[in-house]
Amino acid sequence: MTPLPAYIDPEAWSDYEAMRRRIKKPMTQRIVKQKLALLQKVKDAGHDPNAWIDAATNGHWLDFYEPKAQEISHKASSAAEKTQAYLASQTPEESTPERRAEVAAMLSRAKSAIRRVA
């Protein structure tokens, strides 16, 4: 077994190996050495090798790729903003009293049709 460098999280590496076994692509000692050499290059380039390992594990990837930067946003407020923008974009004539009366009449006809079928 090849010893892990100090900069690699043993738990992250163990999860990566377990994922490889689950997808029926276990690593040989030669592949382990190649992966560790790649992660050394990643570290030398100023990146976090553990982030690369985690990305590969989560994505069920055989190889390591630079993780995409994920911006954490307030999705709830973003969705609320989108809803408000959509409602503001609706034309005023769609919410006129005549249109509301027309929709109410259609709804009433639909309900009575449903009652007749049931």
PDB file of N, CA and C in Angstrom:
ATOM      1  N   MET A   1       0.832  -1.176   0.000  1.00  0.00           N
ATOM      2  CA  MET A   1       0.000   0.000   0.000  1.00  0.00           C
ATOM      3  C   MET A   1       0.878   1.241   0.000  1.00  0.00           C
ATOM      4  N   THR A   2       0.535   2.169  -0.848  1.00  0.00           N
ATOM      5  CA  THR A   2       1.295   3.410  -0.968  1.00  0.00           C
ATOM      6  C   THR A   2       0.863   4.372   0.135  1.00  0.00           C
ATOM      7  N   PRO A   3       1.826   4.932   0.867  1.00  0.00           N
ATOM      8  CA  PRO A   3       1.442   5.873   1.927  1.00  0.00           C
ATOM      9  C   PRO A   3       0.943   7.188   1.313  1.00  0.00           C
ATOM     10  N   LEU A   4      -0.026   7.789   1.982  1.00  0.00           N
ATOM     11  CA  LEU A   4      -0.586   9.054   1.503  1.00  0.00           C
ATOM     12  C   LEU A   4       0.276  10.220   1.971  1.00  0.00           C
ATOM     13  N   PRO A   5       0.447  11.222   1.120  1.00  0.00           N
ATOM     14  CA  PRO A   5       1.150  12.429   1.563  1.00  0.00           C
ATOM     15  C   PRO A   5       0.350  13.122   2.664  1.00  0.00           C
ATOM     16  N   ALA A   6       1.009  13.950   3.449  1.00  0.00           N
ATOM     17  CA  ALA A   6       0.370  14.594   4.595  1.00  0.00           C
ATOM     18  C   ALA A   6      -0.735  15.559   4.178  1.00  0.00           C
ATOM     19  N   TYR A   7      -0.649  16.124   2.982  1.00  0.00           N
ATOM     20  CA  TYR A   7      -1.633  17.120   2.552  1.00  0.00           C
ATOM     21  C   TYR A   7      -2.940  16.498   2.065  1.00  0.00           C
ATOM     22  N   ILE A   8      -2.993  15.192   1.955  1.00  0.00           N
ATOM     23  CA  ILE A   8      -4.223  14.518   1.499  1.00  0.00           C
ATOM     24  C   ILE A   8      -4.989  14.009   2.709  1.00  0.00           C
ATOM     25  N   ASP A   9      -6.258  14.369   2.752  1.00  0.00           N
ATOM     26  CA  ASP A   9      -7.144  13.937   3.826  1.00  0.00           C
ATOM     27  C   ASP A   9      -7.408  12.436   3.668  1.00  0.00           C
ATOM     28  N   PRO A  10      -7.030  11.629   4.663  1.00  0.00           N
ATOM     29  CA  PRO A  10      -7.226  10.179   4.545  1.00  0.00           C
ATOM     30  C   PRO A  10      -8.687   9.782   4.345  1.00  0.00           C
ATOM     31  N   GLU A  11      -9.599  10.514   4.969  1.00  0.00           N
ATOM     32  CA  GLU A  11     -11.023  10.205   4.821  1.00  0.00           C
ATOM     33  C   GLU A  11     -11.490  10.476   3.390  1.00  0.00           C
ATOM     34  N   ALA A  12     -11.036  11.584   2.809  1.00  0.00           N
ATOM     35  CA  ALA A  12     -11.410  11.902   1.425  1.00  0.00           C
ATOM     36  C   ALA A  12     -10.864  10.820   0.486  1.00  0.00           C
ATOM     37  N   TRP A  13      -9.625  10.410   0.713  1.00  0.00           N
ATOM     38  CA  TRP A  13      -9.018   9.380  -0.133  1.00  0.00           C
ATOM     39  C   TRP A  13      -9.741   8.043   0.033  1.00  0.00           C
ATOM     40  N   SER A  14     -10.092   7.704   1.269  1.00  0.00           N
ATOM     41  CA  SER A  14     -10.808   6.466   1.531  1.00  0.00           C
ATOM     42  C   SER A  14     -12.171   6.470   0.844  1.00  0.00           C
ATOM     43  N   ASP A  15     -12.868   7.613   0.892  1.00  0.00           N
ATOM     44  CA  ASP A  15     -14.167   7.718   0.213  1.00  0.00           C
ATOM     45  C   ASP A  15     -14.002   7.557  -1.296  1.00  0.00           C
ATOM     46  N   TYR A  16     -12.927   8.143  -1.846  1.00  0.00           N
ATOM     47  CA  TYR A  16     -12.668   8.023  -3.287  1.00  0.00           C
ATOM     48  C   TYR A  16     -12.416   6.563  -3.663  1.00  0.00           C
ATOM     49  N   GLU A  17     -11.599   5.877  -2.870  1.00  0.00           N
ATOM     50  CA  GLU A  17     -11.332   4.458  -3.143  1.00  0.00           C
ATOM     51  C   GLU A  17     -12.613   3.623  -3.031  1.00  0.00           C
ATOM     52  N   ALA A  18     -13.441   3.921  -2.025  1.00  0.00           N
ATOM     53  CA  ALA A  18     -14.694   3.182  -1.850  1.00  0.00           C
ATOM     54  C   ALA A  18     -15.627   3.416  -3.034  1.00  0.00           C
ATOM     55  N   MET A  19     -15.672   4.664  -3.515  1.00  0.00           N
ATOM     56  CA  MET A  19     -16.509   4.971  -4.675  1.00  0.00           C
ATOM     57  C   MET A  19     -16.016   4.179  -5.886  1.00  0.00           C
ATOM     58  N   ARG A  20     -14.698   4.121  -6.076  1.00  0.00           N
ATOM     59  CA  ARG A  20     -14.142   3.368  -7.209  1.00  0.00           C
ATOM     60  C   ARG A  20     -14.517   1.891  -7.117  1.00  0.00           C
ATOM     61  N   ARG A  21     -14.493   1.345  -5.914  1.00  0.00           N
ATOM     62  CA  ARG A  21     -14.881  -0.062  -5.756  1.00  0.00           C
ATOM     63  C   ARG A  21     -16.368  -0.248  -6.034  1.00  0.00           C
ATOM     64  N   ARG A  22     -17.208   0.725  -5.583  1.00  0.00           N
ATOM     65  CA  ARG A  22     -18.654   0.628  -5.811  1.00  0.00           C
ATOM     66  C   ARG A  22     -18.989   0.629  -7.296  1.00  0.00           C
ATOM     67  N   ILE A  23     -18.247   1.409  -8.090  1.00  0.00           N
ATOM     68  CA  ILE A  23     -18.537   1.452  -9.521  1.00  0.00           C
ATOM     69  C   ILE A  23     -17.744   0.390 -10.278  1.00  0.00           C
ATOM     70  N   LYS A  24     -17.141  -0.514  -9.508  1.00  0.00           N
ATOM     71  CA  LYS A  24     -16.411  -1.662 -10.061  1.00  0.00           C
ATOM     72  C   LYS A  24     -15.207  -1.250 -10.906  1.00  0.00           C
ATOM     73  N   LYS A  25     -14.488  -0.211 -10.419  1.00  0.00           N
ATOM     74  CA  LYS A  25     -13.252   0.250 -11.044  1.00  0.00           C
ATOM     75  C   LYS A  25     -12.187   0.440  -9.961  1.00  0.00           C
ATOM     76  N   PRO A  26     -11.852  -0.631  -9.236  1.00  0.00           N
ATOM     77  CA  PRO A  26     -10.871  -0.473  -8.157  1.00  0.00           C
ATOM     78  C   PRO A  26      -9.503  -0.069  -8.704  1.00  0.00           C
ATOM     79  N   MET A  27      -8.719   0.567  -7.846  1.00  0.00           N
ATOM     80  CA  MET A  27      -7.410   1.077  -8.275  1.00  0.00           C
ATOM     81  C   MET A  27      -6.312   0.060  -7.998  1.00  0.00           C
ATOM     82  N   THR A  28      -5.419  -0.056  -8.947  1.00  0.00           N
ATOM     83  CA  THR A  28      -4.209  -0.842  -8.732  1.00  0.00           C
ATOM     84  C   THR A  28      -3.173   0.070  -8.067  1.00  0.00           C
ATOM     85  N   GLN A  29      -2.079  -0.516  -7.597  1.00  0.00           N
ATOM     86  CA  GLN A  29      -1.023   0.292  -6.982  1.00  0.00           C
ATOM     87  C   GLN A  29      -0.427   1.283  -7.987  1.00  0.00           C
ATOM     88  N   ARG A  30      -0.356   0.876  -9.224  1.00  0.00           N
ATOM     89  CA  ARG A  30       0.181   1.777 -10.260  1.00  0.00           C
ATOM     90  C   ARG A  30      -0.729   2.993 -10.447  1.00  0.00           C
ATOM     91  N   ILE A  31      -2.030   2.758 -10.462  1.00  0.00           N
ATOM     92  CA  ILE A  31      -2.971   3.866 -10.612  1.00  0.00           C
ATOM     93  C   ILE A  31      -2.916   4.772  -9.390  1.00  0.00           C
ATOM     94  N   VAL A  32      -2.779   4.191  -8.208  1.00  0.00           N
ATOM     95  CA  VAL A  32      -2.678   4.999  -6.991  1.00  0.00           C
ATOM     96  C   VAL A  32      -1.481   5.937  -7.102  1.00  0.00           C
ATOM     97  N   LYS A  33      -0.337   5.412  -7.551  1.00  0.00           N
ATOM     98  CA  LYS A  33       0.861   6.246  -7.702  1.00  0.00           C
ATOM     99  C   LYS A  33       0.635   7.348  -8.728  1.00  0.00           C
ATOM    100  N   GLN A  34      -0.061   7.025  -9.827  1.00  0.00           N
ATOM    101  CA  GLN A  34      -0.350   8.039 -10.845  1.00  0.00           C
ATOM    102  C   GLN A  34      -1.264   9.125 -10.292  1.00  0.00           C
ATOM    103  N   LYS A  35      -2.284   8.726  -9.559  1.00  0.00           N
ATOM    104  CA  LYS A  35      -3.233   9.694  -8.978  1.00  0.00           C
ATOM    105  C   LYS A  35      -2.528  10.597  -7.977  1.00  0.00           C
ATOM    106  N   LEU A  36      -1.675  10.006  -7.145  1.00  0.00           N
ATOM    107  CA  LEU A  36      -0.951  10.807  -6.161  1.00  0.00           C
ATOM    108  C   LEU A  36       0.020  11.774  -6.837  1.00  0.00           C
ATOM    109  N   ALA A  37       0.633  11.343  -7.949  1.00  0.00           N
ATOM    110  CA  ALA A  37       1.519  12.247  -8.695  1.00  0.00           C
ATOM    111  C   ALA A  37       0.720  13.411  -9.279  1.00  0.00           C
ATOM    112  N   LEU A  38      -0.466  13.117  -9.789  1.00  0.00           N
ATOM    113  CA  LEU A  38      -1.330  14.173 -10.324  1.00  0.00           C
ATOM    114  C   LEU A  38      -1.735  15.144  -9.218  1.00  0.00           C
ATOM    115  N   LEU A  39      -2.087  14.605  -8.058  1.00  0.00           N
ATOM    116  CA  LEU A  39      -2.483  15.466  -6.950  1.00  0.00           C
ATOM    117  C   LEU A  39      -1.321  16.315  -6.439  1.00  0.00           C
ATOM    118  N   GLN A  40      -0.110  15.811  -6.567  1.00  0.00           N
ATOM    119  CA  GLN A  40       1.071  16.609  -6.212  1.00  0.00           C
ATOM    120  C   GLN A  40       1.183  17.804  -7.164  1.00  0.00           C
ATOM    121  N   LYS A  41       0.950  17.576  -8.458  1.00  0.00           N
ATOM    122  CA  LYS A  41       0.970  18.672  -9.426  1.00  0.00           C
ATOM    123  C   LYS A  41      -0.130  19.687  -9.135  1.00  0.00           C
ATOM    124  N   VAL A  42      -1.275  19.179  -8.738  1.00  0.00           N
ATOM    125  CA  VAL A  42      -2.400  20.049  -8.381  1.00  0.00           C
ATOM    126  C   VAL A  42      -2.012  20.935  -7.204  1.00  0.00           C
ATOM    127  N   LYS A  43      -1.390  20.330  -6.191  1.00  0.00           N
ATOM    128  CA  LYS A  43      -0.963  21.082  -5.006  1.00  0.00           C
ATOM    129  C   LYS A  43       0.103  22.103  -5.379  1.00  0.00           C
ATOM    130  N   ASP A  44       1.042  21.695  -6.221  1.00  0.00           N
ATOM    131  CA  ASP A  44       2.114  22.604  -6.633  1.00  0.00           C
ATOM    132  C   ASP A  44       1.582  23.793  -7.431  1.00  0.00           C
ATOM    133  N   ALA A  45       0.455  23.587  -8.107  1.00  0.00           N
ATOM    134  CA  ALA A  45      -0.157  24.668  -8.878  1.00  0.00           C
ATOM    135  C   ALA A  45      -0.977  25.599  -7.988  1.00  0.00           C
ATOM    136  N   GLY A  46      -1.062  25.289  -6.694  1.00  0.00           N
ATOM    137  CA  GLY A  46      -1.760  26.152  -5.756  1.00  0.00           C
ATOM    138  C   GLY A  46      -3.211  25.799  -5.515  1.00  0.00           C
ATOM    139  N   HIS A  47      -3.614  24.632  -5.949  1.00  0.00           N
ATOM    140  CA  HIS A  47      -4.990  24.196  -5.745  1.00  0.00           C
ATOM    141  C   HIS A  47      -5.074  23.264  -4.546  1.00  0.00           C
ATOM    142  N   ASP A  48      -6.292  23.048  -4.067  1.00  0.00           N
ATOM    143  CA  ASP A  48      -6.522  22.140  -2.952  1.00  0.00           C
ATOM    144  C   ASP A  48      -6.788  20.738  -3.501  1.00  0.00           C
ATOM    145  N   PRO A  49      -5.859  19.816  -3.316  1.00  0.00           N
ATOM    146  CA  PRO A  49      -6.067  18.465  -3.861  1.00  0.00           C
ATOM    147  C   PRO A  49      -7.263  17.753  -3.230  1.00  0.00           C
ATOM    148  N   ASN A  50      -7.561  18.066  -1.978  1.00  0.00           N
ATOM    149  CA  ASN A  50      -8.703  17.412  -1.325  1.00  0.00           C
ATOM    150  C   ASN A  50     -10.019  17.825  -1.969  1.00  0.00           C
ATOM    151  N   ALA A  51     -10.104  19.051  -2.459  1.00  0.00           N
ATOM    152  CA  ALA A  51     -11.309  19.497  -3.168  1.00  0.00           C
ATOM    153  C   ALA A  51     -11.453  18.711  -4.472  1.00  0.00           C
ATOM    154  N   TRP A  52     -10.331  18.441  -5.123  1.00  0.00           N
ATOM    155  CA  TRP A  52     -10.366  17.656  -6.364  1.00  0.00           C
ATOM    156  C   TRP A  52     -10.822  16.223  -6.074  1.00  0.00           C
ATOM    157  N   ILE A  53     -10.321  15.664  -4.973  1.00  0.00           N
ATOM    158  CA  ILE A  53     -10.712  14.296  -4.595  1.00  0.00           C
ATOM    159  C   ILE A  53     -12.204  14.255  -4.293  1.00  0.00           C
ATOM    160  N   ASP A  54     -12.683  15.234  -3.525  1.00  0.00           N
ATOM    161  CA  ASP A  54     -14.110  15.277  -3.180  1.00  0.00           C
ATOM    162  C   ASP A  54     -14.981  15.434  -4.418  1.00  0.00           C
ATOM    163  N   ALA A  55     -14.546  16.280  -5.361  1.00  0.00           N
ATOM    164  CA  ALA A  55     -15.319  16.468  -6.592  1.00  0.00           C
ATOM    165  C   ALA A  55     -15.391  15.162  -7.382  1.00  0.00           C
ATOM    166  N   ALA A  56     -14.279  14.446  -7.453  1.00  0.00           N
ATOM    167  CA  ALA A  56     -14.267  13.166  -8.168  1.00  0.00           C
ATOM    168  C   ALA A  56     -15.166  12.143  -7.477  1.00  0.00           C
ATOM    169  N   THR A  57     -15.130  12.121  -6.161  1.00  0.00           N
ATOM    170  CA  THR A  57     -15.964  11.186  -5.406  1.00  0.00           C
ATOM    171  C   THR A  57     -17.439  11.502  -5.601  1.00  0.00           C
ATOM    172  N   ASN A  58     -17.795  12.765  -5.461  1.00  0.00           N
ATOM    173  CA  ASN A  58     -19.201  13.159  -5.592  1.00  0.00           C
ATOM    174  C   ASN A  58     -19.725  12.970  -7.007  1.00  0.00           C
ATOM    175  N   GLY A  59     -18.858  13.152  -7.994  1.00  0.00           N
ATOM    176  CA  GLY A  59     -19.284  13.006  -9.381  1.00  0.00           C
ATOM    177  C   GLY A  59     -19.125  11.601  -9.933  1.00  0.00           C
ATOM    178  N   HIS A  60     -18.599  10.671  -9.104  1.00  0.00           N
ATOM    179  CA  HIS A  60     -18.327   9.298  -9.547  1.00  0.00           C
ATOM    180  C   HIS A  60     -17.398   9.294 -10.764  1.00  0.00           C
ATOM    181  N   TRP A  61     -16.354  10.140 -10.686  1.00  0.00           N
ATOM    182  CA  TRP A  61     -15.383  10.234 -11.772  1.00  0.00           C
ATOM    183  C   TRP A  61     -14.196   9.329 -11.489  1.00  0.00           C
ATOM    184  N   LEU A  62     -13.627   8.782 -12.533  1.00  0.00           N
ATOM    185  CA  LEU A  62     -12.426   7.970 -12.386  1.00  0.00           C
ATOM    186  C   LEU A  62     -11.185   8.847 -12.250  1.00  0.00           C
ATOM    187  N   ASP A  63     -11.222  10.007 -12.852  1.00  0.00           N
ATOM    188  CA  ASP A  63     -10.068  10.897 -12.846  1.00  0.00           C
ATOM    189  C   ASP A  63     -10.384  12.136 -12.027  1.00  0.00           C
ATOM    190  N   PHE A  64      -9.366  12.972 -11.824  1.00  0.00           N
ATOM    191  CA  PHE A  64      -9.549  14.205 -11.072  1.00  0.00           C
ATOM    192  C   PHE A  64      -9.647  15.374 -12.032  1.00  0.00           C
ATOM    193  N   TYR A  65     -10.584  16.251 -11.752  1.00  0.00           N
ATOM    194  CA  TYR A  65     -10.774  17.464 -12.537  1.00  0.00           C
ATOM    195  C   TYR A  65     -10.929  18.629 -11.573  1.00  0.00           C
ATOM    196  N   GLU A  66     -10.578  19.801 -12.047  1.00  0.00           N
ATOM    197  CA  GLU A  66     -10.709  20.978 -11.203  1.00  0.00           C
ATOM    198  C   GLU A  66     -12.182  21.219 -10.894  1.00  0.00           C
ATOM    199  N   PRO A  67     -12.517  21.335  -9.612  1.00  0.00           N
ATOM    200  CA  PRO A  67     -13.922  21.561  -9.270  1.00  0.00           C
ATOM    201  C   PRO A  67     -14.365  22.943  -9.743  1.00  0.00           C
ATOM    202  N   LYS A  68     -15.610  23.018 -10.173  1.00  0.00           N
ATOM    203  CA  LYS A  68     -16.169  24.294 -10.593  1.00  0.00           C
ATOM    204  C   LYS A  68     -16.474  25.126  -9.359  1.00  0.00           C
ATOM    205  N   ALA A  69     -16.254  26.407  -9.471  1.00  0.00           N
ATOM    206  CA  ALA A  69     -16.587  27.308  -8.365  1.00  0.00           C
ATOM    207  C   ALA A  69     -18.095  27.374  -8.250  1.00  0.00           C
ATOM    208  N   GLN A  70     -18.581  27.075  -7.083  1.00  0.00           N
ATOM    209  CA  GLN A  70     -20.018  27.092  -6.865  1.00  0.00           C
ATOM    210  C   GLN A  70     -20.352  28.282  -5.988  1.00  0.00           C
ATOM    211  N   GLU A  71     -21.125  29.184  -6.562  1.00  0.00           N
ATOM    212  CA  GLU A  71     -21.527  30.361  -5.827  1.00  0.00           C
ATOM    213  C   GLU A  71     -22.739  30.015  -4.972  1.00  0.00           C
ATOM    214  N   ILE A  72     -22.640  30.318  -3.707  1.00  0.00           N
ATOM    215  CA  ILE A  72     -23.754  30.062  -2.806  1.00  0.00           C
ATOM    216  C   ILE A  72     -24.604  31.319  -2.795  1.00  0.00           C
ATOM    217  N   SER A  73     -25.834  31.170  -3.202  1.00  0.00           N
ATOM    218  CA  SER A  73     -26.728  32.325  -3.253  1.00  0.00           C
ATOM    219  C   SER A  73     -27.945  32.056  -2.401  1.00  0.00           C
ATOM    220  N   HIS A  74     -28.676  33.085  -2.166  1.00  0.00           N
ATOM    221  CA  HIS A  74     -29.920  32.948  -1.423  1.00  0.00           C
ATOM    222  C   HIS A  74     -31.002  32.572  -2.418  1.00  0.00           C
ATOM    223  N   LYS A  75     -31.219  31.291  -2.572  1.00  0.00           N
ATOM    224  CA  LYS A  75     -32.161  30.819  -3.579  1.00  0.00           C
ATOM    225  C   LYS A  75     -33.580  31.266  -3.276  1.00  0.00           C
ATOM    226  N   ALA A  76     -33.934  31.319  -2.011  1.00  0.00           N
ATOM    227  CA  ALA A  76     -35.298  31.717  -1.671  1.00  0.00           C
ATOM    228  C   ALA A  76     -35.551  33.151  -2.106  1.00  0.00           C
ATOM    229  N   SER A  77     -34.614  34.046  -1.801  1.00  0.00           N
ATOM    230  CA  SER A  77     -34.828  35.429  -2.203  1.00  0.00           C
ATOM    231  C   SER A  77     -34.717  35.561  -3.710  1.00  0.00           C
ATOM    232  N   SER A  78     -33.841  34.766  -4.311  1.00  0.00           N
ATOM    233  CA  SER A  78     -33.714  34.796  -5.764  1.00  0.00           C
ATOM    234  C   SER A  78     -35.016  34.358  -6.421  1.00  0.00           C
ATOM    235  N   ALA A  79     -35.628  33.308  -5.893  1.00  0.00           N
ATOM    236  CA  ALA A  79     -36.894  32.836  -6.445  1.00  0.00           C
ATOM    237  C   ALA A  79     -37.984  33.882  -6.227  1.00  0.00           C
ATOM    238  N   ALA A  80     -37.965  34.514  -5.067  1.00  0.00           N
ATOM    239  CA  ALA A  80     -38.959  35.553  -4.792  1.00  0.00           C
ATOM    240  C   ALA A  80     -38.770  36.731  -5.750  1.00  0.00           C
ATOM    241  N   GLU A  81     -37.510  37.073  -6.013  1.00  0.00           N
ATOM    242  CA  GLU A  81     -37.244  38.165  -6.952  1.00  0.00           C
ATOM    243  C   GLU A  81     -37.723  37.803  -8.352  1.00  0.00           C
ATOM    244  N   LYS A  82     -37.497  36.562  -8.763  1.00  0.00           N
ATOM    245  CA  LYS A  82     -37.951  36.130 -10.084  1.00  0.00           C
ATOM    246  C   LYS A  82     -39.474  36.165 -10.174  1.00  0.00           C
ATOM    247  N   THR A  83     -40.124  35.748  -9.095  1.00  0.00           N
ATOM    248  CA  THR A  83     -41.585  35.776  -9.080  1.00  0.00           C
ATOM    249  C   THR A  83     -42.093  37.205  -9.195  1.00  0.00           C
ATOM    250  N   GLN A  84     -41.486  38.099  -8.426  1.00  0.00           N
ATOM    251  CA  GLN A  84     -41.896  39.499  -8.486  1.00  0.00           C
ATOM    252  C   GLN A  84     -41.657  40.080  -9.876  1.00  0.00           C
ATOM    253  N   ALA A  85     -40.525  39.746 -10.494  1.00  0.00           N
ATOM    254  CA  ALA A  85     -40.230  40.242 -11.837  1.00  0.00           C
ATOM    255  C   ALA A  85     -41.246  39.703 -12.843  1.00  0.00           C
ATOM    256  N   TYR A  86     -41.623  38.426 -12.693  1.00  0.00           N
ATOM    257  CA  TYR A  86     -42.613  37.835 -13.589  1.00  0.00           C
ATOM    258  C   TYR A  86     -43.957  38.528 -13.434  1.00  0.00           C
ATOM    259  N   LEU A  87     -44.388  38.710 -12.190  1.00  0.00           N
ATOM    260  CA  LEU A  87     -45.672  39.355 -11.953  1.00  0.00           C
ATOM    261  C   LEU A  87     -45.667  40.790 -12.473  1.00  0.00           C
ATOM    262  N   ALA A  88     -44.544  41.474 -12.328  1.00  0.00           N
ATOM    263  CA  ALA A  88     -44.459  42.848 -12.817  1.00  0.00           C
ATOM    264  C   ALA A  88     -44.475  42.895 -14.335  1.00  0.00           C
ATOM    265  N   SER A  89     -43.983  41.827 -14.973  1.00  0.00           N
ATOM    266  CA  SER A  89     -43.930  41.809 -16.436  1.00  0.00           C
ATOM    267  C   SER A  89     -45.289  41.514 -17.070  1.00  0.00           C
ATOM    268  N   GLN A  90     -46.232  41.014 -16.286  1.00  0.00           N
ATOM    269  CA  GLN A  90     -47.551  40.713 -16.829  1.00  0.00           C
ATOM    270  C   GLN A  90     -48.268  42.005 -17.191  1.00  0.00           C
ATOM    271  N   THR A  91     -48.956  41.993 -18.290  1.00  0.00           N
ATOM    272  CA  THR A  91     -49.618  43.206 -18.752  1.00  0.00           C
ATOM    273  C   THR A  91     -50.843  43.489 -17.897  1.00  0.00           C
ATOM    274  N   PRO A  92     -51.149  44.750 -17.675  1.00  0.00           N
ATOM    275  CA  PRO A  92     -52.282  45.088 -16.808  1.00  0.00           C
ATOM    276  C   PRO A  92     -53.620  44.612 -17.356  1.00  0.00           C
ATOM    277  N   GLU A  93     -53.779  44.518 -18.682  1.00  0.00           N
ATOM    278  CA  GLU A  93     -55.071  44.115 -19.226  1.00  0.00           C
ATOM    279  C   GLU A  93     -55.426  42.674 -18.864  1.00  0.00           C
ATOM    280  N   GLU A  94     -54.434  41.861 -18.471  1.00  0.00           N
ATOM    281  CA  GLU A  94     -54.732  40.488 -18.077  1.00  0.00           C
ATOM    282  C   GLU A  94     -55.423  40.432 -16.720  1.00  0.00           C
ATOM    283  N   SER A  95     -55.335  41.513 -15.951  1.00  0.00           N
ATOM    284  CA  SER A  95     -55.958  41.497 -14.635  1.00  0.00           C
ATOM    285  C   SER A  95     -57.074  42.544 -14.530  1.00  0.00           C
ATOM    286  N   THR A  96     -57.696  42.840 -15.642  1.00  0.00           N
ATOM    287  CA  THR A  96     -58.816  43.787 -15.627  1.00  0.00           C
ATOM    288  C   THR A  96     -60.032  43.117 -15.003  1.00  0.00           C
ATOM    289  N   PRO A  97     -60.989  43.920 -14.525  1.00  0.00           N
ATOM    290  CA  PRO A  97     -62.200  43.317 -13.937  1.00  0.00           C
ATOM    291  C   PRO A  97     -62.945  42.429 -14.928  1.00  0.00           C
ATOM    292  N   GLU A  98     -62.943  42.806 -16.211  1.00  0.00           N
ATOM    293  CA  GLU A  98     -63.623  41.987 -17.217  1.00  0.00           C
ATOM    294  C   GLU A  98     -62.953  40.613 -17.328  1.00  0.00           C
ATOM    295  N   ARG A  99     -61.618  40.628 -17.329  1.00  0.00           N
ATOM    296  CA  ARG A  99     -60.874  39.366 -17.451  1.00  0.00           C
ATOM    297  C   ARG A  99     -61.126  38.491 -16.221  1.00  0.00           C
ATOM    298  N   ARG A 100     -61.144  39.099 -15.042  1.00  0.00           N
ATOM    299  CA  ARG A 100     -61.402  38.332 -13.816  1.00  0.00           C
ATOM    300  C   ARG A 100     -62.804  37.731 -13.848  1.00  0.00           C
ATOM    301  N   ALA A 101     -63.772  38.474 -14.348  1.00  0.00           N
ATOM    302  CA  ALA A 101     -65.139  37.961 -14.450  1.00  0.00           C
ATOM    303  C   ALA A 101     -65.196  36.808 -15.447  1.00  0.00           C
ATOM    304  N   GLU A 102     -64.460  36.934 -16.545  1.00  0.00           N
ATOM    305  CA  GLU A 102     -64.424  35.876 -17.563  1.00  0.00           C
ATOM    306  C   GLU A 102     -63.821  34.592 -16.979  1.00  0.00           C
ATOM    307  N   VAL A 103     -62.730  34.746 -16.230  1.00  0.00           N
ATOM    308  CA  VAL A 103     -62.078  33.586 -15.617  1.00  0.00           C
ATOM    309  C   VAL A 103     -63.005  32.956 -14.582  1.00  0.00           C
ATOM    310  N   ALA A 104     -63.706  33.777 -13.798  1.00  0.00           N
ATOM    311  CA  ALA A 104     -64.637  33.248 -12.800  1.00  0.00           C
ATOM    312  C   ALA A 104     -65.765  32.471 -13.463  1.00  0.00           C
ATOM    313  N   ALA A 105     -66.251  32.963 -14.600  1.00  0.00           N
ATOM    314  CA  ALA A 105     -67.312  32.264 -15.317  1.00  0.00           C
ATOM    315  C   ALA A 105     -66.816  30.922 -15.847  1.00  0.00           C
ATOM    316  N   MET A 106     -65.589  30.906 -16.402  1.00  0.00           N
ATOM    317  CA  MET A 106     -65.017  29.647 -16.904  1.00  0.00           C
ATOM    318  C   MET A 106     -64.846  28.657 -15.760  1.00  0.00           C
ATOM    319  N   LEU A 107     -64.401  29.148 -14.611  1.00  0.00           N
ATOM    320  CA  LEU A 107     -64.208  28.284 -13.459  1.00  0.00           C
ATOM    321  C   LEU A 107     -65.539  27.716 -12.989  1.00  0.00           C
ATOM    322  N   SER A 108     -66.558  28.518 -12.970  1.00  0.00           N
ATOM    323  CA  SER A 108     -67.882  28.065 -12.561  1.00  0.00           C
ATOM    324  C   SER A 108     -68.404  26.982 -13.502  1.00  0.00           C
ATOM    325  N   ARG A 109     -68.236  27.194 -14.819  1.00  0.00           N
ATOM    326  CA  ARG A 109     -68.675  26.184 -15.798  1.00  0.00           C
ATOM    327  C   ARG A 109     -67.903  24.876 -15.614  1.00  0.00           C
ATOM    328  N   ALA A 110     -66.616  24.992 -15.353  1.00  0.00           N
ATOM    329  CA  ALA A 110     -65.793  23.791 -15.165  1.00  0.00           C
ATOM    330  C   ALA A 110     -66.251  23.028 -13.920  1.00  0.00           C
ATOM    331  N   LYS A 111     -66.518  23.752 -12.833  1.00  0.00           N
ATOM    332  CA  LYS A 111     -66.963  23.086 -11.613  1.00  0.00           C
ATOM    333  C   LYS A 111     -68.297  22.373 -11.804  1.00  0.00           C
ATOM    334  N   SER A 112     -69.217  23.022 -12.515  1.00  0.00           N
ATOM    335  CA  SER A 112     -70.520  22.371 -12.735  1.00  0.00           C
ATOM    336  C   SER A 112     -70.375  21.159 -13.632  1.00  0.00           C
ATOM    337  N   ALA A 113     -69.477  21.230 -14.608  1.00  0.00           N
ATOM    338  CA  ALA A 113     -69.235  20.070 -15.475  1.00  0.00           C
ATOM    339  C   ALA A 113     -68.658  18.914 -14.672  1.00  0.00           C
ATOM    340  N   ILE A 114     -67.807  19.221 -13.753  1.00  0.00           N
ATOM    341  CA  ILE A 114     -67.200  18.182 -12.911  1.00  0.00           C
ATOM    342  C   ILE A 114     -68.259  17.556 -12.029  1.00  0.00           C
ATOM    343  N   ARG A 115     -69.159  18.375 -11.475  1.00  0.00           N
ATOM    344  CA  ARG A 115     -70.227  17.853 -10.622  1.00  0.00           C
ATOM    345  C   ARG A 115     -71.136  16.914 -11.409  1.00  0.00           C
ATOM    346  N   ARG A 116     -71.412  17.241 -12.676  1.00  0.00           N
ATOM    347  CA  ARG A 116     -72.283  16.393 -13.485  1.00  0.00           C
ATOM    348  C   ARG A 116     -71.619  15.041 -13.772  1.00  0.00           C
ATOM    349  N   VAL A 117     -70.320  15.048 -13.968  1.00  0.00           N
ATOM    350  CA  VAL A 117     -69.612  13.805 -14.271  1.00  0.00           C
ATOM    351  C   VAL A 117     -69.507  12.959 -13.013  1.00  0.00           C
ATOM    352  N   ALA A 118     -69.267  13.577 -11.914  1.00  0.00           N
ATOM    353  CA  ALA A 118     -69.079  12.842 -10.649  1.00  0.00           C
ATOM    354  C   ALA A 118     -70.409  12.378 -10.174  1.00  0.00           C
TER     355      ALA A 118
END
